[in-house]
PDB file of N, CA and C in Angstrom:
ATOM      1  N   MET A   1      26.346  26.031  26.814  1.00  0.00           N
ATOM      2  CA  MET A   1      25.855  26.134  25.460  1.00  0.00           C
ATOM      3  C   MET A   1      24.387  25.745  25.383  1.00  0.00           C
ATOM      4  N   GLN A   2      23.967  24.831  26.239  1.00  0.00           N
ATOM      5  CA  GLN A   2      22.557  24.431  26.229  1.00  0.00           C
ATOM      6  C   GLN A   2      21.649  25.618  26.539  1.00  0.00           C
ATOM      7  N   LEU A   3      22.039  26.452  27.481  1.00  0.00           N
ATOM      8  CA  LEU A   3      21.248  27.633  27.847  1.00  0.00           C
ATOM      9  C   LEU A   3      21.164  28.602  26.662  1.00  0.00           C
ATOM     10  N   VAL A   4      22.275  28.894  26.040  1.00  0.00           N
ATOM     11  CA  VAL A   4      22.307  29.831  24.915  1.00  0.00           C
ATOM     12  C   VAL A   4      21.541  29.265  23.718  1.00  0.00           C
ATOM     13  N   ALA A   5      21.754  27.998  23.410  1.00  0.00           N
ATOM     14  CA  ALA A   5      21.063  27.374  22.275  1.00  0.00           C
ATOM     15  C   ALA A   5      19.560  27.326  22.513  1.00  0.00           C
ATOM     16  N   GLY A   6      19.155  27.013  23.739  1.00  0.00           N
ATOM     17  CA  GLY A   6      17.729  26.999  24.071  1.00  0.00           C
ATOM     18  C   GLY A   6      17.105  28.374  23.944  1.00  0.00           C
ATOM     19  N   HIS A   7      17.815  29.402  24.395  1.00  0.00           N
ATOM     20  CA  HIS A   7      17.317  30.775  24.273  1.00  0.00           C
ATOM     21  C   HIS A   7      17.204  31.181  22.795  1.00  0.00           C
ATOM     22  N   ALA A   8      18.203  30.801  22.018  1.00  0.00           N
ATOM     23  CA  ALA A   8      18.166  31.107  20.584  1.00  0.00           C
ATOM     24  C   ALA A   8      16.952  30.447  19.932  1.00  0.00           C
ATOM     25  N   ALA A   9      16.664  29.218  20.307  1.00  0.00           N
ATOM     26  CA  ALA A   9      15.496  28.519  19.751  1.00  0.00           C
ATOM     27  C   ALA A   9      14.206  29.237  20.133  1.00  0.00           C
ATOM     28  N   LEU A  10      14.108  29.686  21.380  1.00  0.00           N
ATOM     29  CA  LEU A  10      12.920  30.427  21.821  1.00  0.00           C
ATOM     30  C   LEU A  10      12.750  31.741  21.058  1.00  0.00           C
ATOM     31  N   CYS A  11      13.860  32.311  20.630  1.00  0.00           N
ATOM     32  CA  CYS A  11      13.826  33.565  19.867  1.00  0.00           C
ATOM     33  C   CYS A  11      13.577  33.324  18.381  1.00  0.00           C
ATOM     34  N   GLY A  12      13.438  32.070  17.980  1.00  0.00           N
ATOM     35  CA  GLY A  12      13.145  31.775  16.585  1.00  0.00           C
ATOM     36  C   GLY A  12      14.348  31.624  15.678  1.00  0.00           C
ATOM     37  N   VAL A  13      15.537  31.505  16.249  1.00  0.00           N
ATOM     38  CA  VAL A  13      16.737  31.332  15.431  1.00  0.00           C
ATOM     39  C   VAL A  13      16.685  29.970  14.746  1.00  0.00           C
ATOM     40  N   ARG A  14      16.986  29.957  13.456  1.00  0.00           N
ATOM     41  CA  ARG A  14      17.031  28.722  12.679  1.00  0.00           C
ATOM     42  C   ARG A  14      18.332  28.691  11.884  1.00  0.00           C
ATOM     43  N   VAL A  15      18.887  27.510  11.735  1.00  0.00           N
ATOM     44  CA  VAL A  15      20.125  27.314  10.988  1.00  0.00           C
ATOM     45  C   VAL A  15      19.925  26.115  10.074  1.00  0.00           C
ATOM     46  N   ASP A  16      20.383  26.237   8.825  1.00  0.00           N
ATOM     47  CA  ASP A  16      20.237  25.155   7.865  1.00  0.00           C
ATOM     48  C   ASP A  16      21.393  24.167   7.871  1.00  0.00           C
ATOM     49  N   ARG A  17      22.573  24.645   8.258  1.00  0.00           N
ATOM     50  CA  ARG A  17      23.767  23.788   8.277  1.00  0.00           C
ATOM     51  C   ARG A  17      24.713  24.283   9.353  1.00  0.00           C
ATOM     52  N   ILE A  18      25.309  23.340  10.072  1.00  0.00           N
ATOM     53  CA  ILE A  18      26.322  23.661  11.070  1.00  0.00           C
ATOM     54  C   ILE A  18      27.600  22.938  10.686  1.00  0.00           C
ATOM     55  N   VAL A  19      28.712  23.675  10.709  1.00  0.00           N
ATOM     56  CA  VAL A  19      30.020  23.054  10.492  1.00  0.00           C
ATOM     57  C   VAL A  19      30.848  23.242  11.753  1.00  0.00           C
ATOM     58  N   HIS A  20      31.735  22.279  12.004  1.00  0.00           N
ATOM     59  CA  HIS A  20      32.593  22.349  13.188  1.00  0.00           C
ATOM     60  C   HIS A  20      33.978  21.823  12.842  1.00  0.00           C
ATOM     61  N   SER A  21      34.918  22.054  13.724  1.00  0.00           N
ATOM     62  CA  SER A  21      36.322  21.741  13.466  1.00  0.00           C
ATOM     63  C   SER A  21      36.659  20.262  13.557  1.00  0.00           C
ATOM     64  N   GLY A  22      35.831  19.482  14.187  1.00  0.00           N
ATOM     65  CA  GLY A  22      36.156  18.074  14.392  1.00  0.00           C
ATOM     66  C   GLY A  22      36.781  17.806  15.746  1.00  0.00           C
ATOM     67  N   LYS A  23      37.235  18.846  16.423  1.00  0.00           N
ATOM     68  CA  LYS A  23      37.723  18.658  17.790  1.00  0.00           C
ATOM     69  C   LYS A  23      36.513  18.318  18.665  1.00  0.00           C
ATOM     70  N   LEU A  24      36.719  17.488  19.675  1.00  0.00           N
ATOM     71  CA  LEU A  24      35.621  16.949  20.464  1.00  0.00           C
ATOM     72  C   LEU A  24      34.687  18.022  21.006  1.00  0.00           C
ATOM     73  N   ARG A  25      35.224  19.059  21.608  1.00  0.00           N
ATOM     74  CA  ARG A  25      34.362  20.081  22.208  1.00  0.00           C
ATOM     75  C   ARG A  25      33.538  20.800  21.139  1.00  0.00           C
ATOM     76  N   ALA A  26      34.129  21.084  19.998  1.00  0.00           N
ATOM     77  CA  ALA A  26      33.387  21.739  18.918  1.00  0.00           C
ATOM     78  C   ALA A  26      32.304  20.811  18.372  1.00  0.00           C
ATOM     79  N   GLU A  27      32.603  19.528  18.260  1.00  0.00           N
ATOM     80  CA  GLU A  27      31.606  18.565  17.800  1.00  0.00           C
ATOM     81  C   GLU A  27      30.438  18.478  18.786  1.00  0.00           C
ATOM     82  N   GLN A  28      30.758  18.460  20.085  1.00  0.00           N
ATOM     83  CA  GLN A  28      29.705  18.428  21.106  1.00  0.00           C
ATOM     84  C   GLN A  28      28.858  19.700  21.055  1.00  0.00           C
ATOM     85  N   THR A  29      29.501  20.840  20.921  1.00  0.00           N
ATOM     86  CA  THR A  29      28.792  22.117  20.856  1.00  0.00           C
ATOM     87  C   THR A  29      27.891  22.162  19.624  1.00  0.00           C
ATOM     88  N   ALA A  30      28.402  21.708  18.494  1.00  0.00           N
ATOM     89  CA  ALA A  30      27.595  21.670  17.270  1.00  0.00           C
ATOM     90  C   ALA A  30      26.368  20.784  17.460  1.00  0.00           C
ATOM     91  N   GLY A  31      26.530  19.666  18.148  1.00  0.00           N
ATOM     92  CA  GLY A  31      25.403  18.773  18.414  1.00  0.00           C
ATOM     93  C   GLY A  31      24.353  19.415  19.299  1.00  0.00           C
ATOM     94  N   ILE A  32      24.793  20.135  20.323  1.00  0.00           N
ATOM     95  CA  ILE A  32      23.861  20.844  21.210  1.00  0.00           C
ATOM     96  C   ILE A  32      23.083  21.888  20.422  1.00  0.00           C
ATOM     97  N   LEU A  33      23.780  22.648  19.606  1.00  0.00           N
ATOM     98  CA  LEU A  33      23.141  23.686  18.803  1.00  0.00           C
ATOM     99  C   LEU A  33      22.169  23.071  17.796  1.00  0.00           C
ATOM    100  N   ALA A  34      22.581  22.010  17.137  1.00  0.00           N
ATOM    101  CA  ALA A  34      21.724  21.343  16.150  1.00  0.00           C
ATOM    102  C   ALA A  34      20.451  20.810  16.798  1.00  0.00           C
ATOM    103  N   ASP A  35      20.576  20.192  17.962  1.00  0.00           N
ATOM    104  CA  ASP A  35      19.403  19.660  18.663  1.00  0.00           C
ATOM    105  C   ASP A  35      18.438  20.768  19.041  1.00  0.00           C
ATOM    106  N   ALA A  36      18.956  21.850  19.568  1.00  0.00           N
ATOM    107  CA  ALA A  36      18.104  22.951  20.033  1.00  0.00           C
ATOM    108  C   ALA A  36      17.406  23.657  18.870  1.00  0.00           C
ATOM    109  N   LEU A  37      18.110  23.809  17.754  1.00  0.00           N
ATOM    110  CA  LEU A  37      17.570  24.576  16.633  1.00  0.00           C
ATOM    111  C   LEU A  37      16.940  23.706  15.551  1.00  0.00           C
ATOM    112  N   GLY A  38      16.993  22.400  15.736  1.00  0.00           N
ATOM    113  CA  GLY A  38      16.418  21.511  14.737  1.00  0.00           C
ATOM    114  C   GLY A  38      17.166  21.537  13.425  1.00  0.00           C
ATOM    115  N   CYS A  39      18.463  21.703  13.482  1.00  0.00           N
ATOM    116  CA  CYS A  39      19.278  21.770  12.264  1.00  0.00           C
ATOM    117  C   CYS A  39      19.534  20.365  11.734  1.00  0.00           C
ATOM    118  N   PRO A  40      19.222  20.128  10.466  1.00  0.00           N
ATOM    119  CA  PRO A  40      19.351  18.780   9.917  1.00  0.00           C
ATOM    120  C   PRO A  40      20.758  18.386   9.466  1.00  0.00           C
ATOM    121  N   VAL A  41      21.649  19.350   9.250  1.00  0.00           N
ATOM    122  CA  VAL A  41      22.958  19.036   8.681  1.00  0.00           C
ATOM    123  C   VAL A  41      24.066  19.538   9.593  1.00  0.00           C
ATOM    124  N   VAL A  42      24.915  18.623  10.054  1.00  0.00           N
ATOM    125  CA  VAL A  42      26.080  18.955  10.870  1.00  0.00           C
ATOM    126  C   VAL A  42      27.279  18.247  10.242  1.00  0.00           C
ATOM    127  N   ASP A  43      28.285  19.033   9.852  1.00  0.00           N
ATOM    128  CA  ASP A  43      29.452  18.481   9.162  1.00  0.00           C
ATOM    129  C   ASP A  43      30.744  18.917   9.829  1.00  0.00           C
ATOM    130  N   GLN A  44      31.724  18.028   9.812  1.00  0.00           N
ATOM    131  CA  GLN A  44      33.074  18.373  10.227  1.00  0.00           C
ATOM    132  C   GLN A  44      33.790  18.944   9.006  1.00  0.00           C
ATOM    133  N   VAL A  45      34.485  20.079   9.201  1.00  0.00           N
ATOM    134  CA  VAL A  45      35.186  20.753   8.113  1.00  0.00           C
ATOM    135  C   VAL A  45      36.618  21.029   8.553  1.00  0.00           C
ATOM    136  N   ASP A  46      37.565  20.692   7.720  1.00  0.00           N
ATOM    137  CA  ASP A  46      38.970  20.976   8.020  1.00  0.00           C
ATOM    138  C   ASP A  46      39.227  22.478   7.988  1.00  0.00           C
ATOM    139  N   GLY A  47      40.197  22.926   8.777  1.00  0.00           N
ATOM    140  CA  GLY A  47      40.640  24.315   8.725  1.00  0.00           C
ATOM    141  C   GLY A  47      39.994  25.241   9.734  1.00  0.00           C
ATOM    142  N   LEU A  48      39.155  24.722  10.632  1.00  0.00           N
ATOM    143  CA  LEU A  48      38.492  25.584  11.621  1.00  0.00           C
ATOM    144  C   LEU A  48      39.174  25.522  12.983  1.00  0.00           C
ATOM    145  N   ASN A  49      40.384  25.020  13.032  1.00  0.00           N
ATOM    146  CA  ASN A  49      41.121  24.910  14.282  1.00  0.00           C
ATOM    147  C   ASN A  49      41.540  26.285  14.778  1.00  0.00           C
ATOM    148  N   PRO A  50      42.011  26.366  16.016  1.00  0.00           N
ATOM    149  CA  PRO A  50      42.311  27.676  16.615  1.00  0.00           C
ATOM    150  C   PRO A  50      43.146  28.607  15.738  1.00  0.00           C
ATOM    151  N   ASN A  51      44.135  28.077  15.061  1.00  0.00           N
ATOM    152  CA  ASN A  51      44.992  28.914  14.225  1.00  0.00           C
ATOM    153  C   ASN A  51      44.790  28.645  12.741  1.00  0.00           C
ATOM    154  N   GLY A  52      43.591  28.208  12.382  1.00  0.00           N
ATOM    155  CA  GLY A  52      43.278  27.921  10.986  1.00  0.00           C
ATOM    156  C   GLY A  52      43.344  29.169  10.114  1.00  0.00           C
ATOM    157  N   ASP A  53      43.494  28.945   8.823  1.00  0.00           N
ATOM    158  CA  ASP A  53      43.586  30.021   7.837  1.00  0.00           C
ATOM    159  C   ASP A  53      42.183  30.562   7.554  1.00  0.00           C
ATOM    160  N   VAL A  54      41.870  31.734   8.072  1.00  0.00           N
ATOM    161  CA  VAL A  54      40.517  32.287   7.944  1.00  0.00           C
ATOM    162  C   VAL A  54      40.190  32.660   6.500  1.00  0.00           C
ATOM    163  N   ARG A  55      41.174  33.056   5.736  1.00  0.00           N
ATOM    164  CA  ARG A  55      40.912  33.386   4.328  1.00  0.00           C
ATOM    165  C   ARG A  55      40.528  32.131   3.549  1.00  0.00           C
ATOM    166  N   HIS A  56      41.215  31.047   3.810  1.00  0.00           N
ATOM    167  CA  HIS A  56      40.888  29.774   3.177  1.00  0.00           C
ATOM    168  C   HIS A  56      39.477  29.331   3.591  1.00  0.00           C
ATOM    169  N   ALA A  57      39.159  29.438   4.868  1.00  0.00           N
ATOM    170  CA  ALA A  57      37.830  29.057   5.351  1.00  0.00           C
ATOM    171  C   ALA A  57      36.750  29.913   4.698  1.00  0.00           C
ATOM    172  N   ALA A  58      37.006  31.201   4.566  1.00  0.00           N
ATOM    173  CA  ALA A  58      36.023  32.089   3.940  1.00  0.00           C
ATOM    174  C   ALA A  58      35.792  31.697   2.480  1.00  0.00           C
ATOM    175  N   ARG A  59      36.858  31.386   1.766  1.00  0.00           N
ATOM    176  CA  ARG A  59      36.714  30.982   0.362  1.00  0.00           C
ATOM    177  C   ARG A  59      35.896  29.697   0.243  1.00  0.00           C
ATOM    178  N   ASN A  60      36.056  28.792   1.198  1.00  0.00           N
ATOM    179  CA  ASN A  60      35.380  27.491   1.125  1.00  0.00           C
ATOM    180  C   ASN A  60      33.984  27.466   1.730  1.00  0.00           C
ATOM    181  N   LEU A  61      33.687  28.370   2.651  1.00  0.00           N
ATOM    182  CA  LEU A  61      32.409  28.310   3.368  1.00  0.00           C
ATOM    183  C   LEU A  61      31.433  29.420   3.025  1.00  0.00           C
ATOM    184  N   VAL A  62      31.934  30.572   2.657  1.00  0.00           N
ATOM    185  CA  VAL A  62      31.076  31.746   2.517  1.00  0.00           C
ATOM    186  C   VAL A  62      30.693  31.963   1.060  1.00  0.00           C
ATOM    187  N   ASP A  63      29.392  31.932   0.831  1.00  0.00           N
ATOM    188  CA  ASP A  63      28.856  32.203  -0.500  1.00  0.00           C
ATOM    189  C   ASP A  63      27.657  33.121  -0.320  1.00  0.00           C
ATOM    190  N   PRO A  64      27.835  34.428  -0.539  1.00  0.00           N
ATOM    191  CA  PRO A  64      26.738  35.373  -0.323  1.00  0.00           C
ATOM    192  C   PRO A  64      25.494  35.067  -1.141  1.00  0.00           C
ATOM    193  N   MET A  65      25.632  34.307  -2.217  1.00  0.00           N
ATOM    194  CA  MET A  65      24.491  33.981  -3.072  1.00  0.00           C
ATOM    195  C   MET A  65      23.795  32.686  -2.640  1.00  0.00           C
ATOM    196  N   ALA A  66      24.389  31.970  -1.693  1.00  0.00           N
ATOM    197  CA  ALA A  66      23.834  30.681  -1.271  1.00  0.00           C
ATOM    198  C   ALA A  66      22.528  30.871  -0.510  1.00  0.00           C
ATOM    199  N   GLU A  67      21.646  29.921  -0.686  1.00  0.00           N
ATOM    200  CA  GLU A  67      20.396  29.902   0.069  1.00  0.00           C
ATOM    201  C   GLU A  67      20.665  29.268   1.430  1.00  0.00           C
ATOM    202  N   GLY A  68      19.938  29.684   2.435  1.00  0.00           N
ATOM    203  CA  GLY A  68      20.053  29.076   3.757  1.00  0.00           C
ATOM    204  C   GLY A  68      21.112  29.730   4.609  1.00  0.00           C
ATOM    205  N   SER A  69      21.162  29.266   5.847  1.00  0.00           N
ATOM    206  CA  SER A  69      22.082  29.849   6.817  1.00  0.00           C
ATOM    207  C   SER A  69      23.099  28.819   7.283  1.00  0.00           C
ATOM    208  N   LEU A  70      24.239  29.316   7.709  1.00  0.00           N
ATOM    209  CA  LEU A  70      25.361  28.488   8.129  1.00  0.00           C
ATOM    210  C   LEU A  70      25.825  28.924   9.508  1.00  0.00           C
ATOM    211  N   ALA A  71      26.044  27.961  10.393  1.00  0.00           N
ATOM    212  CA  ALA A  71      26.658  28.242  11.693  1.00  0.00           C
ATOM    213  C   ALA A  71      28.032  27.584  11.696  1.00  0.00           C
ATOM    214  N   VAL A  72      29.034  28.325  12.149  1.00  0.00           N
ATOM    215  CA  VAL A  72      30.395  27.819  12.239  1.00  0.00           C
ATOM    216  C   VAL A  72      30.737  27.675  13.714  1.00  0.00           C
ATOM    217  N   VAL A  73      31.039  26.452  14.133  1.00  0.00           N
ATOM    218  CA  VAL A  73      31.426  26.173  15.516  1.00  0.00           C
ATOM    219  C   VAL A  73      32.919  25.903  15.505  1.00  0.00           C
ATOM    220  N   GLY A  74      33.650  26.759  16.198  1.00  0.00           N
ATOM    221  CA  GLY A  74      35.100  26.635  16.173  1.00  0.00           C
ATOM    222  C   GLY A  74      35.731  27.054  17.478  1.00  0.00           C
ATOM    223  N   HIS A  75      36.867  27.676  17.354  1.00  0.00           N
ATOM    224  CA  HIS A  75      37.721  27.967  18.504  1.00  0.00           C
ATOM    225  C   HIS A  75      38.282  29.376  18.387  1.00  0.00           C
ATOM    226  N   LEU A  76      38.792  29.853  19.487  1.00  0.00           N
ATOM    227  CA  LEU A  76      39.511  31.117  19.504  1.00  0.00           C
ATOM    228  C   LEU A  76      40.986  30.813  19.271  1.00  0.00           C
ATOM    229  N   PRO A  77      41.699  31.657  18.581  1.00  0.00           N
ATOM    230  CA  PRO A  77      41.295  32.949  18.033  1.00  0.00           C
ATOM    231  C   PRO A  77      40.648  32.875  16.644  1.00  0.00           C
ATOM    232  N   PHE A  78      40.463  31.669  16.096  1.00  0.00           N
ATOM    233  CA  PHE A  78      39.918  31.536  14.748  1.00  0.00           C
ATOM    234  C   PHE A  78      38.619  32.315  14.570  1.00  0.00           C
ATOM    235  N   LEU A  79      37.649  32.133  15.461  1.00  0.00           N
ATOM    236  CA  LEU A  79      36.338  32.768  15.268  1.00  0.00           C
ATOM    237  C   LEU A  79      36.427  34.291  15.285  1.00  0.00           C
ATOM    238  N   ASP A  80      37.237  34.857  16.179  1.00  0.00           N
ATOM    239  CA  ASP A  80      37.426  36.318  16.195  1.00  0.00           C
ATOM    240  C   ASP A  80      37.981  36.798  14.851  1.00  0.00           C
ATOM    241  N   ARG A  81      38.986  36.097  14.369  1.00  0.00           N
ATOM    242  CA  ARG A  81      39.652  36.488  13.127  1.00  0.00           C
ATOM    243  C   ARG A  81      38.740  36.271  11.914  1.00  0.00           C
ATOM    244  N   PHE A  82      37.965  35.187  11.926  1.00  0.00           N
ATOM    245  CA  PHE A  82      37.047  34.872  10.827  1.00  0.00           C
ATOM    246  C   PHE A  82      35.970  35.946  10.717  1.00  0.00           C
ATOM    247  N   ALA A  83      35.351  36.294  11.831  1.00  0.00           N
ATOM    248  CA  ALA A  83      34.321  37.337  11.816  1.00  0.00           C
ATOM    249  C   ALA A  83      34.905  38.676  11.378  1.00  0.00           C
ATOM    250  N   SER A  84      36.096  38.999  11.849  1.00  0.00           N
ATOM    251  CA  SER A  84      36.732  40.264  11.470  1.00  0.00           C
ATOM    252  C   SER A  84      37.010  40.317   9.969  1.00  0.00           C
ATOM    253  N   LEU A  85      37.442  39.199   9.391  1.00  0.00           N
ATOM    254  CA  LEU A  85      37.665  39.151   7.950  1.00  0.00           C
ATOM    255  C   LEU A  85      36.363  39.405   7.201  1.00  0.00           C
ATOM    256  N   LEU A  86      35.273  38.769   7.637  1.00  0.00           N
ATOM    257  CA  LEU A  86      34.001  38.911   6.934  1.00  0.00           C
ATOM    258  C   LEU A  86      33.400  40.306   7.087  1.00  0.00           C
ATOM    259  N   VAL A  87      33.596  40.921   8.241  1.00  0.00           N
ATOM    260  CA  VAL A  87      33.008  42.240   8.490  1.00  0.00           C
ATOM    261  C   VAL A  87      33.900  43.363   7.965  1.00  0.00           C
ATOM    262  N   ALA A  88      35.179  43.310   8.285  1.00  0.00           N
ATOM    263  CA  ALA A  88      36.071  44.428   7.970  1.00  0.00           C
ATOM    264  C   ALA A  88      37.052  44.136   6.841  1.00  0.00           C
ATOM    265  N   GLY A  89      37.103  42.886   6.393  1.00  0.00           N
ATOM    266  CA  GLY A  89      38.042  42.537   5.346  1.00  0.00           C
ATOM    267  C   GLY A  89      39.448  42.303   5.839  1.00  0.00           C
ATOM    268  N   GLU A  90      39.632  42.332   7.150  1.00  0.00           N
ATOM    269  CA  GLU A  90      40.954  42.192   7.762  1.00  0.00           C
ATOM    270  C   GLU A  90      40.842  41.330   9.020  1.00  0.00           C
ATOM    271  N   PRO A  91      41.519  40.179   9.065  1.00  0.00           N
ATOM    272  CA  PRO A  91      41.406  39.282  10.219  1.00  0.00           C
ATOM    273  C   PRO A  91      41.834  39.894  11.553  1.00  0.00           C
ATOM    274  N   GLU A  92      42.713  40.865  11.514  1.00  0.00           N
ATOM    275  CA  GLU A  92      43.219  41.454  12.760  1.00  0.00           C
ATOM    276  C   GLU A  92      42.409  42.668  13.217  1.00  0.00           C
ATOM    277  N   ALA A  93      41.286  42.956  12.590  1.00  0.00           N
ATOM    278  CA  ALA A  93      40.504  44.164  12.905  1.00  0.00           C
ATOM    279  C   ALA A  93      39.819  44.102  14.265  1.00  0.00           C
ATOM    280  N   GLN A  94      39.675  42.934  14.857  1.00  0.00           N
ATOM    281  CA  GLN A  94      39.035  42.762  16.170  1.00  0.00           C
ATOM    282  C   GLN A  94      37.636  43.378  16.206  1.00  0.00           C
ATOM    283  N   VAL A  95      36.816  42.958  15.272  1.00  0.00           N
ATOM    284  CA  VAL A  95      35.455  43.464  15.155  1.00  0.00           C
ATOM    285  C   VAL A  95      34.563  42.964  16.286  1.00  0.00           C
ATOM    286  N   VAL A  96      34.751  41.717  16.674  1.00  0.00           N
ATOM    287  CA  VAL A  96      33.941  41.129  17.729  1.00  0.00           C
ATOM    288  C   VAL A  96      34.836  40.216  18.563  1.00  0.00           C
ATOM    289  N   ALA A  97      34.582  40.177  19.857  1.00  0.00           N
ATOM    290  CA  ALA A  97      35.323  39.287  20.752  1.00  0.00           C
ATOM    291  C   ALA A  97      34.382  38.162  21.172  1.00  0.00           C
ATOM    292  N   PHE A  98      34.586  36.995  20.599  1.00  0.00           N
ATOM    293  CA  PHE A  98      33.727  35.860  20.914  1.00  0.00           C
ATOM    294  C   PHE A  98      33.890  35.437  22.363  1.00  0.00           C
ATOM    295  N   ARG A  99      32.824  34.915  22.918  1.00  0.00           N
ATOM    296  CA  ARG A  99      32.813  34.363  24.273  1.00  0.00           C
ATOM    297  C   ARG A  99      32.501  32.876  24.158  1.00  0.00           C
ATOM    298  N   ASN A 100      32.960  32.089  25.106  1.00  0.00           N
ATOM    299  CA  ASN A 100      32.595  30.679  25.112  1.00  0.00           C
ATOM    300  C   ASN A 100      31.077  30.570  25.149  1.00  0.00           C
ATOM    301  N   ALA A 101      30.545  29.659  24.359  1.00  0.00           N
ATOM    302  CA  ALA A 101      29.097  29.414  24.263  1.00  0.00           C
ATOM    303  C   ALA A 101      28.338  30.641  23.775  1.00  0.00           C
ATOM    304  N   GLY A 102      28.977  31.503  23.030  1.00  0.00           N
ATOM    305  CA  GLY A 102      28.303  32.672  22.485  1.00  0.00           C
ATOM    306  C   GLY A 102      27.935  32.467  21.031  1.00  0.00           C
ATOM    307  N   LEU A 103      26.911  33.169  20.615  1.00  0.00           N
ATOM    308  CA  LEU A 103      26.491  33.157  19.219  1.00  0.00           C
ATOM    309  C   LEU A 103      26.594  34.569  18.663  1.00  0.00           C
ATOM    310  N   VAL A 104      27.106  34.686  17.466  1.00  0.00           N
ATOM    311  CA  VAL A 104      27.184  35.960  16.766  1.00  0.00           C
ATOM    312  C   VAL A 104      26.579  35.749  15.386  1.00  0.00           C
ATOM    313  N   LYS A 105      25.582  36.558  15.057  1.00  0.00           N
ATOM    314  CA  LYS A 105      24.969  36.459  13.735  1.00  0.00           C
ATOM    315  C   LYS A 105      25.554  37.525  12.830  1.00  0.00           C
ATOM    316  N   LEU A 106      26.066  37.083  11.690  1.00  0.00           N
ATOM    317  CA  LEU A 106      26.541  38.001  10.669  1.00  0.00           C
ATOM    318  C   LEU A 106      25.527  38.011   9.535  1.00  0.00           C
ATOM    319  N   VAL A 107      25.256  39.196   9.011  1.00  0.00           N
ATOM    320  CA  VAL A 107      24.303  39.357   7.917  1.00  0.00           C
ATOM    321  C   VAL A 107      25.002  40.105   6.787  1.00  0.00           C
ATOM    322  N   PRO A 108      24.629  39.811   5.533  1.00  0.00           N
ATOM    323  CA  PRO A 108      25.240  40.553   4.429  1.00  0.00           C
ATOM    324  C   PRO A 108      25.010  42.059   4.600  1.00  0.00           C
ATOM    325  N   SER A 109      26.051  42.832   4.398  1.00  0.00           N
ATOM    326  CA  SER A 109      25.916  44.283   4.538  1.00  0.00           C
ATOM    327  C   SER A 109      25.407  44.879   3.236  1.00  0.00           C
ATOM    328  N   SER A 110      24.934  46.086   3.331  1.00  0.00           N
ATOM    329  CA  SER A 110      24.444  46.780   2.138  1.00  0.00           C
ATOM    330  C   SER A 110      25.591  47.190   1.216  1.00  0.00           C
ATOM    331  N   LEU A 111      26.829  47.094   1.692  1.00  0.00           N
ATOM    332  CA  LEU A 111      27.989  47.466   0.885  1.00  0.00           C
ATOM    333  C   LEU A 111      28.341  46.393  -0.139  1.00  0.00           C
ATOM    334  N   GLY A 112      27.857  45.185   0.077  1.00  0.00           N
ATOM    335  CA  GLY A 112      28.149  44.087  -0.839  1.00  0.00           C
ATOM    336  C   GLY A 112      29.520  43.499  -0.589  1.00  0.00           C
ATOM    337  N   GLY A 113      29.565  42.181  -0.481  1.00  0.00           N
ATOM    338  CA  GLY A 113      30.837  41.495  -0.292  1.00  0.00           C
ATOM    339  C   GLY A 113      31.326  41.453   1.138  1.00  0.00           C
ATOM    340  N   THR A 114      30.684  42.188   2.023  1.00  0.00           N
ATOM    341  CA  THR A 114      31.063  42.156   3.431  1.00  0.00           C
ATOM    342  C   THR A 114      29.814  41.850   4.260  1.00  0.00           C
ATOM    343  N   TYR A 115      30.038  41.729   5.536  1.00  0.00           N
ATOM    344  CA  TYR A 115      28.955  41.391   6.458  1.00  0.00           C
ATOM    345  C   TYR A 115      28.912  42.411   7.583  1.00  0.00           C
ATOM    346  N   ALA A 116      27.805  42.414   8.304  1.00  0.00           N
ATOM    347  CA  ALA A 116      27.640  43.258   9.490  1.00  0.00           C
ATOM    348  C   ALA A 116      27.206  42.355  10.634  1.00  0.00           C
ATOM    349  N   VAL A 117      27.500  42.768  11.852  1.00  0.00           N
ATOM    350  CA  VAL A 117      27.052  42.019  13.022  1.00  0.00           C
ATOM    351  C   VAL A 117      25.570  42.296  13.203  1.00  0.00           C
ATOM    352  N   GLY A 118      24.767  41.243  13.114  1.00  0.00           N
ATOM    353  CA  GLY A 118      23.318  41.369  13.289  1.00  0.00           C
ATOM    354  C   GLY A 118      22.931  41.370  14.752  1.00  0.00           C
ATOM    355  N   TRP A 119      23.507  40.449  15.521  1.00  0.00           N
ATOM    356  CA  TRP A 119      23.277  40.380  16.960  1.00  0.00           C
ATOM    357  C   TRP A 119      24.297  39.461  17.607  1.00  0.00           C
ATOM    358  N   VAL A 120      24.383  39.566  18.934  1.00  0.00           N
ATOM    359  CA  VAL A 120      25.275  38.734  19.739  1.00  0.00           C
ATOM    360  C   VAL A 120      24.454  38.177  20.888  1.00  0.00           C
ATOM    361  N   LEU A 121      24.626  36.892  21.179  1.00  0.00           N
ATOM    362  CA  LEU A 121      23.940  36.258  22.291  1.00  0.00           C
ATOM    363  C   LEU A 121      24.962  35.502  23.128  1.00  0.00           C
ATOM    364  N   THR A 122      25.049  35.828  24.414  1.00  0.00           N
ATOM    365  CA  THR A 122      25.953  35.153  25.318  1.00  0.00           C
ATOM    366  C   THR A 122      25.152  34.605  26.508  1.00  0.00           C
ATOM    367  N   ALA A 123      25.766  33.723  27.255  1.00  0.00           N
ATOM    368  CA  ALA A 123      25.095  33.141  28.425  1.00  0.00           C
ATOM    369  C   ALA A 123      24.662  34.219  29.408  1.00  0.00           C
ATOM    370  N   GLU A 124      25.447  35.274  29.555  1.00  0.00           N
ATOM    371  CA  GLU A 124      25.093  36.363  30.470  1.00  0.00           C
ATOM    372  C   GLU A 124      23.803  37.054  30.048  1.00  0.00           C
ATOM    373  N   LEU A 125      23.547  37.127  28.760  1.00  0.00           N
ATOM    374  CA  LEU A 125      22.355  37.803  28.265  1.00  0.00           C
ATOM    375  C   LEU A 125      21.102  36.943  28.347  1.00  0.00           C
ATOM    376  N   THR A 126      21.265  35.640  28.505  1.00  0.00           N
ATOM    377  CA  THR A 126      20.114  34.750  28.546  1.00  0.00           C
ATOM    378  C   THR A 126      19.548  34.590  29.943  1.00  0.00           C
ATOM    379  N   GLY A 127      20.310  34.974  30.948  1.00  0.00           N
ATOM    380  CA  GLY A 127      19.903  34.774  32.343  1.00  0.00           C
ATOM    381  C   GLY A 127      18.903  35.765  32.762  1.00  0.00           C
TER     382      GLY A 127
END
């Protein structure tokens, strides 16, 4: 994660808030990302566990009108399902397959209410 986070920082990636599941590895990953990107806010949020309810998480975390950016540090299969819900409206759509230590940027789509994949960064791409 240090390699990916460092590369993201070199590319100018900035995040205003990072949330994580509270599990040790997710907390450590969030800390690495926060340090590399200079993110001032890192919070533990319930419901981001591997089999967490992605619809509940979306209702609590996603606000298209909110200012700033949010990074969600979690686990599989939660992250795959969460991104699929935001992009396709269906958690089982398999829009993106997350990789360990990977970053996926979602951006509001022109359709309104949904998101599009802006970019993907994995350790393989940083080498």
